[in-house]
Structures are given as structure tokens and as C-alpha cells.
Amino acid sequence: MAFRFRRFKVYGDAIDGYKWIVEKTKHYPPTFFHLRDQIQRAALSVALNIAEGSAKPTDADFNRYIGNALGSTNEVAAALEVAYEVRLIIEDDLKVGIQKYETICNQLGGLSKTLKVHKS
């Protein structure tokens, strides 16, 4: 199947998470460009690692990319906490963002377990 990644719910959730991050970070002041850039790149990395990994020839290869996506979910969560601590986002946004990325993290963990069971 071409574009195998499109059949995974976690891919759609990662795209939604990225759009949410872009919306929440677009008004960061210029002095926080580095944080905005980093959190947006980490959020995008989640979706792109799922997509790239899904095209690999084995599930073991795919699973390495899922590991990278999991790392990026943690990066997004940490960046959200930093943004909250420096008062760029409010507590409600922190909670919503953490919940979104915790859900994605759990989905990636489930996908990883499935890939380990179905080794190619």
C-alpha cells in the first residue's frame, strides 16, 4: 500500500497535534523564536517519523522511527513546560498540550509493541 502511514490513527493525531502547536506558538515574541522553532520542529518530527518509518522494508526498521517519534513527543512536552514556566502559554494550554502528546505517546507505544510482535 502506498503511503501506509495514512492508515494509522496516530499519524492523524500527530498532524492535529502539530497544527495545535503551530496555533499556540505563532504569537511567541521574537526573543523566543528559538523555543517556537524547536517545539514546532519537534511536533512535525512526530508525524514525519511515522511516515518515513512506515515505508521501511521491515517492521524492525519502522520501529526505530517510532522510537524517534516517541523521543519527539517527549521533546514537545518538555518545550510546553518551558513555555509555561516563562509565561508564553497559560496552564490550560499546558494541560491540553500535555494530554494531546501523552495520547500520541501511548499510541506510539502500542504501535511499537505491535511491530515487535510482527517482526519481519
PDB file of N, CA and C in Angstrom:
ATOM      1  N   MET A   1       0.846  -1.191   0.000  1.00  0.00           N
ATOM      2  CA  MET A   1       0.000   0.000   0.000  1.00  0.00           C
ATOM      3  C   MET A   1       0.886   1.248   0.000  1.00  0.00           C
ATOM      4  N   ALA A   2       0.633   2.124  -0.935  1.00  0.00           N
ATOM      5  CA  ALA A   2       1.351   3.392  -0.966  1.00  0.00           C
ATOM      6  C   ALA A   2       0.898   4.247   0.223  1.00  0.00           C
ATOM      7  N   PHE A   3       1.839   4.910   0.816  1.00  0.00           N
ATOM      8  CA  PHE A   3       1.552   5.799   1.953  1.00  0.00           C
ATOM      9  C   PHE A   3       0.860   5.056   3.093  1.00  0.00           C
ATOM     10  N   ARG A   4       1.482   3.988   3.504  1.00  0.00           N
ATOM     11  CA  ARG A   4       0.991   3.132   4.600  1.00  0.00           C
ATOM     12  C   ARG A   4       0.673   3.939   5.856  1.00  0.00           C
ATOM     13  N   PHE A   5       1.445   4.991   6.100  1.00  0.00           N
ATOM     14  CA  PHE A   5       1.288   5.792   7.322  1.00  0.00           C
ATOM     15  C   PHE A   5      -0.111   6.370   7.463  1.00  0.00           C
ATOM     16  N   ARG A   6      -0.786   6.570   6.349  1.00  0.00           N
ATOM     17  CA  ARG A   6      -2.105   7.223   6.395  1.00  0.00           C
ATOM     18  C   ARG A   6      -3.157   6.368   7.080  1.00  0.00           C
ATOM     19  N   ARG A   7      -2.912   5.086   7.221  1.00  0.00           N
ATOM     20  CA  ARG A   7      -3.906   4.216   7.863  1.00  0.00           C
ATOM     21  C   ARG A   7      -3.767   4.163   9.389  1.00  0.00           C
ATOM     22  N   PHE A   8      -2.729   4.800   9.932  1.00  0.00           N
ATOM     23  CA  PHE A   8      -2.507   4.792  11.380  1.00  0.00           C
ATOM     24  C   PHE A   8      -3.151   6.021  12.018  1.00  0.00           C
ATOM     25  N   LYS A   9      -4.028   5.783  12.980  1.00  0.00           N
ATOM     26  CA  LYS A   9      -4.693   6.891  13.689  1.00  0.00           C
ATOM     27  C   LYS A   9      -3.672   7.838  14.308  1.00  0.00           C
ATOM     28  N   VAL A  10      -2.593   7.291  14.817  1.00  0.00           N
ATOM     29  CA  VAL A  10      -1.579   8.111  15.463  1.00  0.00           C
ATOM     30  C   VAL A  10      -0.985   9.134  14.496  1.00  0.00           C
ATOM     31  N   TYR A  11      -0.906   8.810  13.224  1.00  0.00           N
ATOM     32  CA  TYR A  11      -0.409   9.773  12.245  1.00  0.00           C
ATOM     33  C   TYR A  11      -1.352  10.979  12.171  1.00  0.00           C
ATOM     34  N   GLY A  12      -2.648  10.727  12.071  1.00  0.00           N
ATOM     35  CA  GLY A  12      -3.628  11.823  12.047  1.00  0.00           C
ATOM     36  C   GLY A  12      -3.587  12.645  13.326  1.00  0.00           C
ATOM     37  N   ASP A  13      -3.432  11.968  14.462  1.00  0.00           N
ATOM     38  CA  ASP A  13      -3.345  12.693  15.732  1.00  0.00           C
ATOM     39  C   ASP A  13      -2.065  13.531  15.798  1.00  0.00           C
ATOM     40  N   ALA A  14      -0.983  13.019  15.212  1.00  0.00           N
ATOM     41  CA  ALA A  14       0.266  13.779  15.190  1.00  0.00           C
ATOM     42  C   ALA A  14       0.124  15.037  14.324  1.00  0.00           C
ATOM     43  N   ILE A  15      -0.577  14.924  13.204  1.00  0.00           N
ATOM     44  CA  ILE A  15      -0.836  16.095  12.361  1.00  0.00           C
ATOM     45  C   ILE A  15      -1.686  17.111  13.129  1.00  0.00           C
ATOM     46  N   ASP A  16      -2.726  16.628  13.797  1.00  0.00           N
ATOM     47  CA  ASP A  16      -3.573  17.518  14.600  1.00  0.00           C
ATOM     48  C   ASP A  16      -2.762  18.183  15.714  1.00  0.00           C
ATOM     49  N   GLY A  17      -1.881  17.413  16.344  1.00  0.00           N
ATOM     50  CA  GLY A  17      -1.029  17.971  17.395  1.00  0.00           C
ATOM     51  C   GLY A  17      -0.109  19.052  16.849  1.00  0.00           C
ATOM     52  N   TYR A  18       0.447  18.811  15.676  1.00  0.00           N
ATOM     53  CA  TYR A  18       1.316  19.808  15.044  1.00  0.00           C
ATOM     54  C   TYR A  18       0.537  21.100  14.759  1.00  0.00           C
ATOM     55  N   LYS A  19      -0.665  20.964  14.206  1.00  0.00           N
ATOM     56  CA  LYS A  19      -1.478  22.158  13.920  1.00  0.00           C
ATOM     57  C   LYS A  19      -1.776  22.922  15.207  1.00  0.00           C
ATOM     58  N   TRP A  20      -2.060  22.201  16.284  1.00  0.00           N
ATOM     59  CA  TRP A  20      -2.343  22.839  17.574  1.00  0.00           C
ATOM     60  C   TRP A  20      -1.102  23.598  18.061  1.00  0.00           C
ATOM     61  N   ILE A  21       0.063  22.969  17.959  1.00  0.00           N
ATOM     62  CA  ILE A  21       1.307  23.616  18.382  1.00  0.00           C
ATOM     63  C   ILE A  21       1.566  24.880  17.570  1.00  0.00           C
ATOM     64  N   VAL A  22       1.383  24.808  16.265  1.00  0.00           N
ATOM     65  CA  VAL A  22       1.597  25.990  15.414  1.00  0.00           C
ATOM     66  C   VAL A  22       0.673  27.119  15.854  1.00  0.00           C
ATOM     67  N   GLU A  23      -0.576  26.801  16.104  1.00  0.00           N
ATOM     68  CA  GLU A  23      -1.545  27.822  16.531  1.00  0.00           C
ATOM     69  C   GLU A  23      -1.136  28.449  17.871  1.00  0.00           C
ATOM     70  N   LYS A  24      -0.708  27.618  18.814  1.00  0.00           N
ATOM     71  CA  LYS A  24      -0.367  28.116  20.151  1.00  0.00           C
ATOM     72  C   LYS A  24       0.955  28.874  20.191  1.00  0.00           C
ATOM     73  N   THR A  25       1.830  28.629  19.231  1.00  0.00           N
ATOM     74  CA  THR A  25       3.159  29.245  19.284  1.00  0.00           C
ATOM     75  C   THR A  25       3.347  30.400  18.305  1.00  0.00           C
ATOM     76  N   LYS A  26       2.380  30.639  17.437  1.00  0.00           N
ATOM     77  CA  LYS A  26       2.591  31.629  16.381  1.00  0.00           C
ATOM     78  C   LYS A  26       2.759  33.061  16.890  1.00  0.00           C
ATOM     79  N   HIS A  27       2.338  33.327  18.105  1.00  0.00           N
ATOM     80  CA  HIS A  27       2.449  34.683  18.636  1.00  0.00           C
ATOM     81  C   HIS A  27       3.574  34.831  19.671  1.00  0.00           C
ATOM     82  N   TYR A  28       4.470  33.849  19.747  1.00  0.00           N
ATOM     83  CA  TYR A  28       5.611  33.999  20.655  1.00  0.00           C
ATOM     84  C   TYR A  28       6.404  35.229  20.228  1.00  0.00           C
ATOM     85  N   PRO A  29       6.894  36.000  21.180  1.00  0.00           N
ATOM     86  CA  PRO A  29       7.702  37.174  20.827  1.00  0.00           C
ATOM     87  C   PRO A  29       9.017  36.747  20.156  1.00  0.00           C
ATOM     88  N   PRO A  30       9.599  37.645  19.380  1.00  0.00           N
ATOM     89  CA  PRO A  30      10.839  37.322  18.655  1.00  0.00           C
ATOM     90  C   PRO A  30      11.963  36.800  19.553  1.00  0.00           C
ATOM     91  N   THR A  31      12.003  37.249  20.797  1.00  0.00           N
ATOM     92  CA  THR A  31      13.064  36.781  21.698  1.00  0.00           C
ATOM     93  C   THR A  31      12.939  35.290  22.009  1.00  0.00           C
ATOM     94  N   PHE A  32      11.779  34.710  21.725  1.00  0.00           N
ATOM     95  CA  PHE A  32      11.562  33.278  21.958  1.00  0.00           C
ATOM     96  C   PHE A  32      11.430  32.508  20.643  1.00  0.00           C
ATOM     97  N   PHE A  33      12.009  33.074  19.576  1.00  0.00           N
ATOM     98  CA  PHE A  33      11.991  32.386  18.289  1.00  0.00           C
ATOM     99  C   PHE A  33      12.555  30.972  18.403  1.00  0.00           C
ATOM    100  N   HIS A  34      13.649  30.831  19.138  1.00  0.00           N
ATOM    101  CA  HIS A  34      14.305  29.529  19.280  1.00  0.00           C
ATOM    102  C   HIS A  34      13.370  28.485  19.883  1.00  0.00           C
ATOM    103  N   LEU A  35      12.580  28.867  20.877  1.00  0.00           N
ATOM    104  CA  LEU A  35      11.652  27.928  21.501  1.00  0.00           C
ATOM    105  C   LEU A  35      10.504  27.588  20.550  1.00  0.00           C
ATOM    106  N   ARG A  36       9.976  28.599  19.876  1.00  0.00           N
ATOM    107  CA  ARG A  36       8.900  28.359  18.907  1.00  0.00           C
ATOM    108  C   ARG A  36       9.387  27.417  17.804  1.00  0.00           C
ATOM    109  N   ASP A  37      10.551  27.694  17.271  1.00  0.00           N
ATOM    110  CA  ASP A  37      11.106  26.870  16.201  1.00  0.00           C
ATOM    111  C   ASP A  37      11.323  25.431  16.679  1.00  0.00           C
ATOM    112  N   GLN A  38      11.870  25.265  17.854  1.00  0.00           N
ATOM    113  CA  GLN A  38      12.184  23.931  18.375  1.00  0.00           C
ATOM    114  C   GLN A  38      10.917  23.116  18.637  1.00  0.00           C
ATOM    115  N   ILE A  39       9.918  23.714  19.249  1.00  0.00           N
ATOM    116  CA  ILE A  39       8.699  22.965  19.558  1.00  0.00           C
ATOM    117  C   ILE A  39       7.939  22.619  18.276  1.00  0.00           C
ATOM    118  N   GLN A  40       7.940  23.530  17.310  1.00  0.00           N
ATOM    119  CA  GLN A  40       7.263  23.233  16.043  1.00  0.00           C
ATOM    120  C   GLN A  40       7.991  22.126  15.293  1.00  0.00           C
ATOM    121  N   ARG A  41       9.319  22.156  15.285  1.00  0.00           N
ATOM    122  CA  ARG A  41      10.071  21.109  14.596  1.00  0.00           C
ATOM    123  C   ARG A  41       9.896  19.762  15.281  1.00  0.00           C
ATOM    124  N   ALA A  42       9.850  19.757  16.610  1.00  0.00           N
ATOM    125  CA  ALA A  42       9.644  18.501  17.337  1.00  0.00           C
ATOM    126  C   ALA A  42       8.260  17.927  17.045  1.00  0.00           C
ATOM    127  N   ALA A  43       7.245  18.787  17.032  1.00  0.00           N
ATOM    128  CA  ALA A  43       5.874  18.324  16.746  1.00  0.00           C
ATOM    129  C   ALA A  43       5.772  17.784  15.328  1.00  0.00           C
ATOM    130  N   LEU A  44       6.400  18.461  14.376  1.00  0.00           N
ATOM    131  CA  LEU A  44       6.395  17.988  12.997  1.00  0.00           C
ATOM    132  C   LEU A  44       7.154  16.668  12.873  1.00  0.00           C
ATOM    133  N   SER A  45       8.212  16.531  13.623  1.00  0.00           N
ATOM    134  CA  SER A  45       9.028  15.326  13.589  1.00  0.00           C
ATOM    135  C   SER A  45       8.235  14.079  13.976  1.00  0.00           C
ATOM    136  N   VAL A  46       7.278  14.223  14.866  1.00  0.00           N
ATOM    137  CA  VAL A  46       6.457  13.074  15.253  1.00  0.00           C
ATOM    138  C   VAL A  46       5.764  12.502  14.016  1.00  0.00           C
ATOM    139  N   ALA A  47       5.054  13.347  13.301  1.00  0.00           N
ATOM    140  CA  ALA A  47       4.325  12.888  12.110  1.00  0.00           C
ATOM    141  C   ALA A  47       5.268  12.389  11.023  1.00  0.00           C
ATOM    142  N   LEU A  48       6.363  13.106  10.802  1.00  0.00           N
ATOM    143  CA  LEU A  48       7.267  12.733   9.713  1.00  0.00           C
ATOM    144  C   LEU A  48       8.008  11.433   9.991  1.00  0.00           C
ATOM    145  N   ASN A  49       8.331  11.163  11.249  1.00  0.00           N
ATOM    146  CA  ASN A  49       8.970   9.892  11.569  1.00  0.00           C
ATOM    147  C   ASN A  49       8.020   8.712  11.371  1.00  0.00           C
ATOM    148  N   ILE A  50       6.758   8.900  11.686  1.00  0.00           N
ATOM    149  CA  ILE A  50       5.771   7.851  11.433  1.00  0.00           C
ATOM    150  C   ILE A  50       5.701   7.579   9.934  1.00  0.00           C
ATOM    151  N   ALA A  51       5.616   8.644   9.158  1.00  0.00           N
ATOM    152  CA  ALA A  51       5.506   8.492   7.707  1.00  0.00           C
ATOM    153  C   ALA A  51       6.757   7.836   7.127  1.00  0.00           C
ATOM    154  N   GLU A  52       7.917   8.355   7.475  1.00  0.00           N
ATOM    155  CA  GLU A  52       9.149   7.811   6.901  1.00  0.00           C
ATOM    156  C   GLU A  52       9.364   6.360   7.317  1.00  0.00           C
ATOM    157  N   GLY A  53       9.143   6.080   8.576  1.00  0.00           N
ATOM    158  CA  GLY A  53       9.344   4.716   9.062  1.00  0.00           C
ATOM    159  C   GLY A  53       8.413   3.708   8.435  1.00  0.00           C
ATOM    160  N   SER A  54       7.201   4.139   8.131  1.00  0.00           N
ATOM    161  CA  SER A  54       6.216   3.201   7.564  1.00  0.00           C
ATOM    162  C   SER A  54       6.618   2.702   6.182  1.00  0.00           C
ATOM    163  N   ALA A  55       7.532   3.392   5.529  1.00  0.00           N
ATOM    164  CA  ALA A  55       7.993   2.991   4.195  1.00  0.00           C
ATOM    165  C   ALA A  55       9.202   2.061   4.247  1.00  0.00           C
ATOM    166  N   LYS A  56       9.697   1.793   5.422  1.00  0.00           N
ATOM    167  CA  LYS A  56      10.877   0.941   5.543  1.00  0.00           C
ATOM    168  C   LYS A  56      10.498  -0.509   5.276  1.00  0.00           C
ATOM    169  N   PRO A  57      11.463  -1.313   4.845  1.00  0.00           N
ATOM    170  CA  PRO A  57      11.147  -2.677   4.407  1.00  0.00           C
ATOM    171  C   PRO A  57      10.772  -3.656   5.519  1.00  0.00           C
ATOM    172  N   THR A  58      11.183  -3.376   6.755  1.00  0.00           N
ATOM    173  CA  THR A  58      10.837  -4.302   7.839  1.00  0.00           C
ATOM    174  C   THR A  58      10.173  -3.558   8.987  1.00  0.00           C
ATOM    175  N   ASP A  59       9.424  -4.296   9.779  1.00  0.00           N
ATOM    176  CA  ASP A  59       8.811  -3.701  10.970  1.00  0.00           C
ATOM    177  C   ASP A  59       9.868  -3.270  11.981  1.00  0.00           C
ATOM    178  N   ALA A  60      10.992  -3.968  12.031  1.00  0.00           N
ATOM    179  CA  ALA A  60      12.068  -3.564  12.936  1.00  0.00           C
ATOM    180  C   ALA A  60      12.608  -2.188  12.538  1.00  0.00           C
ATOM    181  N   ASP A  61      12.751  -1.969  11.233  1.00  0.00           N
ATOM    182  CA  ASP A  61      13.189  -0.652  10.754  1.00  0.00           C
ATOM    183  C   ASP A  61      12.150   0.409  11.108  1.00  0.00           C
ATOM    184  N   PHE A  62      10.886   0.098  10.842  1.00  0.00           N
ATOM    185  CA  PHE A  62       9.786   1.017  11.163  1.00  0.00           C
ATOM    186  C   PHE A  62       9.816   1.359  12.645  1.00  0.00           C
ATOM    187  N   ASN A  63      10.066   0.361  13.476  1.00  0.00           N
ATOM    188  CA  ASN A  63      10.040   0.567  14.919  1.00  0.00           C
ATOM    189  C   ASN A  63      11.117   1.548  15.378  1.00  0.00           C
ATOM    190  N   ARG A  64      12.242   1.591  14.686  1.00  0.00           N
ATOM    191  CA  ARG A  64      13.277   2.572  15.042  1.00  0.00           C
ATOM    192  C   ARG A  64      12.758   3.999  14.841  1.00  0.00           C
ATOM    193  N   TYR A  65      11.994   4.199  13.797  1.00  0.00           N
ATOM    194  CA  TYR A  65      11.406   5.517  13.546  1.00  0.00           C
ATOM    195  C   TYR A  65      10.316   5.839  14.566  1.00  0.00           C
ATOM    196  N   ILE A  66       9.589   4.826  15.006  1.00  0.00           N
ATOM    197  CA  ILE A  66       8.597   5.039  16.066  1.00  0.00           C
ATOM    198  C   ILE A  66       9.320   5.494  17.337  1.00  0.00           C
ATOM    199  N   GLY A  67      10.487   4.921  17.598  1.00  0.00           N
ATOM    200  CA  GLY A  67      11.299   5.366  18.739  1.00  0.00           C
ATOM    201  C   GLY A  67      11.696   6.830  18.616  1.00  0.00           C
ATOM    202  N   ASN A  68      12.053   7.241  17.407  1.00  0.00           N
ATOM    203  CA  ASN A  68      12.381   8.656  17.185  1.00  0.00           C
ATOM    204  C   ASN A  68      11.155   9.537  17.422  1.00  0.00           C
ATOM    205  N   ALA A  69       9.995   9.085  16.949  1.00  0.00           N
ATOM    206  CA  ALA A  69       8.755   9.848  17.150  1.00  0.00           C
ATOM    207  C   ALA A  69       8.438   9.959  18.644  1.00  0.00           C
ATOM    208  N   LEU A  70       8.664   8.873  19.384  1.00  0.00           N
ATOM    209  CA  LEU A  70       8.446   8.916  20.840  1.00  0.00           C
ATOM    210  C   LEU A  70       9.362   9.944  21.494  1.00  0.00           C
ATOM    211  N   GLY A  71      10.609   9.987  21.054  1.00  0.00           N
ATOM    212  CA  GLY A  71      11.528  10.999  21.586  1.00  0.00           C
ATOM    213  C   GLY A  71      11.025  12.400  21.319  1.00  0.00           C
ATOM    214  N   SER A  72      10.466  12.606  20.145  1.00  0.00           N
ATOM    215  CA  SER A  72       9.952  13.935  19.796  1.00  0.00           C
ATOM    216  C   SER A  72       8.723  14.299  20.619  1.00  0.00           C
ATOM    217  N   THR A  73       7.891  13.317  20.989  1.00  0.00           N
ATOM    218  CA  THR A  73       6.738  13.637  21.849  1.00  0.00           C
ATOM    219  C   THR A  73       7.223  14.142  23.203  1.00  0.00           C
ATOM    220  N   ASN A  74       8.290  13.545  23.706  1.00  0.00           N
ATOM    221  CA  ASN A  74       8.855  13.999  24.972  1.00  0.00           C
ATOM    222  C   ASN A  74       9.449  15.396  24.837  1.00  0.00           C
ATOM    223  N   GLU A  75      10.051  15.665  23.699  1.00  0.00           N
ATOM    224  CA  GLU A  75      10.601  16.998  23.445  1.00  0.00           C
ATOM    225  C   GLU A  75       9.493  18.050  23.422  1.00  0.00           C
ATOM    226  N   VAL A  76       8.376  17.725  22.784  1.00  0.00           N
ATOM    227  CA  VAL A  76       7.239  18.657  22.759  1.00  0.00           C
ATOM    228  C   VAL A  76       6.738  18.913  24.178  1.00  0.00           C
ATOM    229  N   ALA A  77       6.577  17.850  24.962  1.00  0.00           N
ATOM    230  CA  ALA A  77       6.089  18.016  26.335  1.00  0.00           C
ATOM    231  C   ALA A  77       7.032  18.899  27.155  1.00  0.00           C
ATOM    232  N   ALA A  78       8.329  18.670  27.027  1.00  0.00           N
ATOM    233  CA  ALA A  78       9.302  19.483  27.764  1.00  0.00           C
ATOM    234  C   ALA A  78       9.254  20.939  27.311  1.00  0.00           C
ATOM    235  N   ALA A  79       9.136  21.153  26.005  1.00  0.00           N
ATOM    236  CA  ALA A  79       9.067  22.524  25.487  1.00  0.00           C
ATOM    237  C   ALA A  79       7.800  23.238  25.945  1.00  0.00           C
ATOM    238  N   LEU A  80       6.702  22.500  26.045  1.00  0.00           N
ATOM    239  CA  LEU A  80       5.464  23.092  26.576  1.00  0.00           C
ATOM    240  C   LEU A  80       5.659  23.527  28.024  1.00  0.00           C
ATOM    241  N   GLU A  81       6.343  22.700  28.808  1.00  0.00           N
ATOM    242  CA  GLU A  81       6.599  23.071  30.205  1.00  0.00           C
ATOM    243  C   GLU A  81       7.491  24.311  30.295  1.00  0.00           C
ATOM    244  N   VAL A  82       8.487  24.385  29.437  1.00  0.00           N
ATOM    245  CA  VAL A  82       9.349  25.577  29.408  1.00  0.00           C
ATOM    246  C   VAL A  82       8.508  26.800  29.032  1.00  0.00           C
ATOM    247  N   ALA A  83       7.673  26.657  28.005  1.00  0.00           N
ATOM    248  CA  ALA A  83       6.823  27.775  27.570  1.00  0.00           C
ATOM    249  C   ALA A  83       5.907  28.238  28.703  1.00  0.00           C
ATOM    250  N   TYR A  84       5.389  27.305  29.458  1.00  0.00           N
ATOM    251  CA  TYR A  84       4.544  27.665  30.603  1.00  0.00           C
ATOM    252  C   TYR A  84       5.369  28.396  31.669  1.00  0.00           C
ATOM    253  N   GLU A  85       6.544  27.886  31.960  1.00  0.00           N
ATOM    254  CA  GLU A  85       7.385  28.480  33.009  1.00  0.00           C
ATOM    255  C   GLU A  85       7.816  29.900  32.673  1.00  0.00           C
ATOM    256  N   VAL A  86       7.977  30.203  31.390  1.00  0.00           N
ATOM    257  CA  VAL A  86       8.368  31.563  31.002  1.00  0.00           C
ATOM    258  C   VAL A  86       7.140  32.384  30.584  1.00  0.00           C
ATOM    259  N   ARG A  87       5.972  31.876  30.892  1.00  0.00           N
ATOM    260  CA  ARG A  87       4.696  32.570  30.720  1.00  0.00           C
ATOM    261  C   ARG A  87       4.319  32.871  29.273  1.00  0.00           C
ATOM    262  N   LEU A  88       4.656  31.930  28.381  1.00  0.00           N
ATOM    263  CA  LEU A  88       4.245  32.071  26.987  1.00  0.00           C
ATOM    264  C   LEU A  88       2.905  31.398  26.727  1.00  0.00           C
ATOM    265  N   ILE A  89       2.559  30.446  27.575  1.00  0.00           N
ATOM    266  CA  ILE A  89       1.248  29.785  27.486  1.00  0.00           C
ATOM    267  C   ILE A  89       0.640  29.731  28.880  1.00  0.00           C
ATOM    268  N   ILE A  90      -0.676  29.593  28.906  1.00  0.00           N
ATOM    269  CA  ILE A  90      -1.375  29.502  30.186  1.00  0.00           C
ATOM    270  C   ILE A  90      -1.469  28.036  30.613  1.00  0.00           C
ATOM    271  N   GLU A  91      -1.825  27.834  31.871  1.00  0.00           N
ATOM    272  CA  GLU A  91      -1.881  26.487  32.426  1.00  0.00           C
ATOM    273  C   GLU A  91      -2.846  25.581  31.655  1.00  0.00           C
ATOM    274  N   ASP A  92      -3.982  26.114  31.228  1.00  0.00           N
ATOM    275  CA  ASP A  92      -4.936  25.291  30.463  1.00  0.00           C
ATOM    276  C   ASP A  92      -4.311  24.784  29.168  1.00  0.00           C
ATOM    277  N   ASP A  93      -3.543  25.629  28.493  1.00  0.00           N
ATOM    278  CA  ASP A  93      -2.868  25.193  27.266  1.00  0.00           C
ATOM    279  C   ASP A  93      -1.811  24.139  27.568  1.00  0.00           C
ATOM    280  N   LEU A  94      -1.098  24.300  28.658  1.00  0.00           N
ATOM    281  CA  LEU A  94      -0.125  23.292  29.060  1.00  0.00           C
ATOM    282  C   LEU A  94      -0.817  21.950  29.263  1.00  0.00           C
ATOM    283  N   LYS A  95      -1.922  21.949  29.981  1.00  0.00           N
ATOM    284  CA  LYS A  95      -2.646  20.704  30.255  1.00  0.00           C
ATOM    285  C   LYS A  95      -3.166  20.059  28.971  1.00  0.00           C
ATOM    286  N   VAL A  96      -3.739  20.865  28.096  1.00  0.00           N
ATOM    287  CA  VAL A  96      -4.262  20.339  26.827  1.00  0.00           C
ATOM    288  C   VAL A  96      -3.128  19.767  25.985  1.00  0.00           C
ATOM    289  N   GLY A  97      -2.039  20.501  25.870  1.00  0.00           N
ATOM    290  CA  GLY A  97      -0.911  20.036  25.071  1.00  0.00           C
ATOM    291  C   GLY A  97      -0.284  18.765  25.619  1.00  0.00           C
ATOM    292  N   ILE A  98      -0.102  18.723  26.923  1.00  0.00           N
ATOM    293  CA  ILE A  98       0.458  17.508  27.544  1.00  0.00           C
ATOM    294  C   ILE A  98      -0.468  16.327  27.298  1.00  0.00           C
ATOM    295  N   GLN A  99      -1.770  16.528  27.422  1.00  0.00           N
ATOM    296  CA  GLN A  99      -2.724  15.441  27.183  1.00  0.00           C
ATOM    297  C   GLN A  99      -2.658  14.961  25.739  1.00  0.00           C
ATOM    298  N   LYS A 100      -2.603  15.887  24.799  1.00  0.00           N
ATOM    299  CA  LYS A 100      -2.506  15.516  23.379  1.00  0.00           C
ATOM    300  C   LYS A 100      -1.276  14.654  23.125  1.00  0.00           C
ATOM    301  N   TYR A 101      -0.151  15.088  23.634  1.00  0.00           N
ATOM    302  CA  TYR A 101       1.088  14.372  23.362  1.00  0.00           C
ATOM    303  C   TYR A 101       1.247  13.118  24.214  1.00  0.00           C
ATOM    304  N   GLU A 102       0.585  13.061  25.355  1.00  0.00           N
ATOM    305  CA  GLU A 102       0.553  11.815  26.123  1.00  0.00           C
ATOM    306  C   GLU A 102      -0.251  10.753  25.365  1.00  0.00           C
ATOM    307  N   THR A 103      -1.361  11.171  24.766  1.00  0.00           N
ATOM    308  CA  THR A 103      -2.166  10.251  23.955  1.00  0.00           C
ATOM    309  C   THR A 103      -1.358   9.737  22.769  1.00  0.00           C
ATOM    310  N   ILE A 104      -0.674  10.638  22.086  1.00  0.00           N
ATOM    311  CA  ILE A 104       0.164  10.238  20.953  1.00  0.00           C
ATOM    312  C   ILE A 104       1.266   9.286  21.417  1.00  0.00           C
ATOM    313  N   CYS A 105       1.876   9.591  22.528  1.00  0.00           N
ATOM    314  CA  CYS A 105       2.927   8.750  23.091  1.00  0.00           C
ATOM    315  C   CYS A 105       2.394   7.339  23.363  1.00  0.00           C
ATOM    316  N   ASN A 106       1.223   7.251  23.964  1.00  0.00           N
ATOM    317  CA  ASN A 106       0.619   5.943  24.243  1.00  0.00           C
ATOM    318  C   ASN A 106       0.303   5.185  22.959  1.00  0.00           C
ATOM    319  N   GLN A 107      -0.189   5.888  21.955  1.00  0.00           N
ATOM    320  CA  GLN A 107      -0.478   5.250  20.673  1.00  0.00           C
ATOM    321  C   GLN A 107       0.809   4.730  20.034  1.00  0.00           C
ATOM    322  N   LEU A 108       1.863   5.519  20.087  1.00  0.00           N
ATOM    323  CA  LEU A 108       3.142   5.084  19.524  1.00  0.00           C
ATOM    324  C   LEU A 108       3.683   3.866  20.272  1.00  0.00           C
ATOM    325  N   GLY A 109       3.513   3.860  21.576  1.00  0.00           N
ATOM    326  CA  GLY A 109       3.942   2.704  22.370  1.00  0.00           C
ATOM    327  C   GLY A 109       3.192   1.442  21.965  1.00  0.00           C
ATOM    328  N   GLY A 110       1.889   1.580  21.739  1.00  0.00           N
ATOM    329  CA  GLY A 110       1.091   0.437  21.288  1.00  0.00           C
ATOM    330  C   GLY A 110       1.513  -0.032  19.909  1.00  0.00           C
ATOM    331  N   LEU A 111       1.774   0.910  19.012  1.00  0.00           N
ATOM    332  CA  LEU A 111       2.218   0.560  17.668  1.00  0.00           C
ATOM    333  C   LEU A 111       3.575  -0.130  17.730  1.00  0.00           C
ATOM    334  N   SER A 112       4.456   0.358  18.569  1.00  0.00           N
ATOM    335  CA  SER A 112       5.772  -0.250  18.725  1.00  0.00           C
ATOM    336  C   SER A 112       5.652  -1.703  19.191  1.00  0.00           C
ATOM    337  N   LYS A 113       4.792  -1.952  20.159  1.00  0.00           N
ATOM    338  CA  LYS A 113       4.585  -3.328  20.650  1.00  0.00           C
ATOM    339  C   LYS A 113       4.054  -4.221  19.540  1.00  0.00           C
ATOM    340  N   THR A 114       3.134  -3.700  18.748  1.00  0.00           N
ATOM    341  CA  THR A 114       2.587  -4.468  17.626  1.00  0.00           C
ATOM    342  C   THR A 114       3.684  -4.804  16.621  1.00  0.00           C
ATOM    343  N   LEU A 115       4.531  -3.844  16.329  1.00  0.00           N
ATOM    344  CA  LEU A 115       5.610  -4.065  15.369  1.00  0.00           C
ATOM    345  C   LEU A 115       6.603  -5.107  15.887  1.00  0.00           C
ATOM    346  N   LYS A 116       6.844  -5.129  17.190  1.00  0.00           N
ATOM    347  CA  LYS A 116       7.763  -6.111  17.778  1.00  0.00           C
ATOM    348  C   LYS A 116       7.189  -7.517  17.685  1.00  0.00           C
ATOM    349  N   VAL A 117       5.866  -7.629  17.815  1.00  0.00           N
ATOM    350  CA  VAL A 117       5.209  -8.931  17.734  1.00  0.00           C
ATOM    351  C   VAL A 117       5.246  -9.451  16.305  1.00  0.00           C
ATOM    352  N   HIS A 118       5.097  -8.555  15.337  1.00  0.00           N
ATOM    353  CA  HIS A 118       5.049  -8.925  13.917  1.00  0.00           C
ATOM    354  C   HIS A 118       6.373  -8.653  13.223  1.00  0.00           C
ATOM    355  N   LYS A 119       7.467  -9.071  13.828  1.00  0.00           N
ATOM    356  CA  LYS A 119       8.783  -8.829  13.225  1.00  0.00           C
ATOM    357  C   LYS A 119       8.836  -9.387  11.815  1.00  0.00           C
ATOM    358  N   SER A 120       9.450  -8.592  10.928  1.00  0.00           N
ATOM    359  CA  SER A 120       9.622  -9.064   9.545  1.00  0.00           C
ATOM    360  C   SER A 120      10.999  -9.636   9.367  1.00  0.00           C
TER     361      SER A 120
END
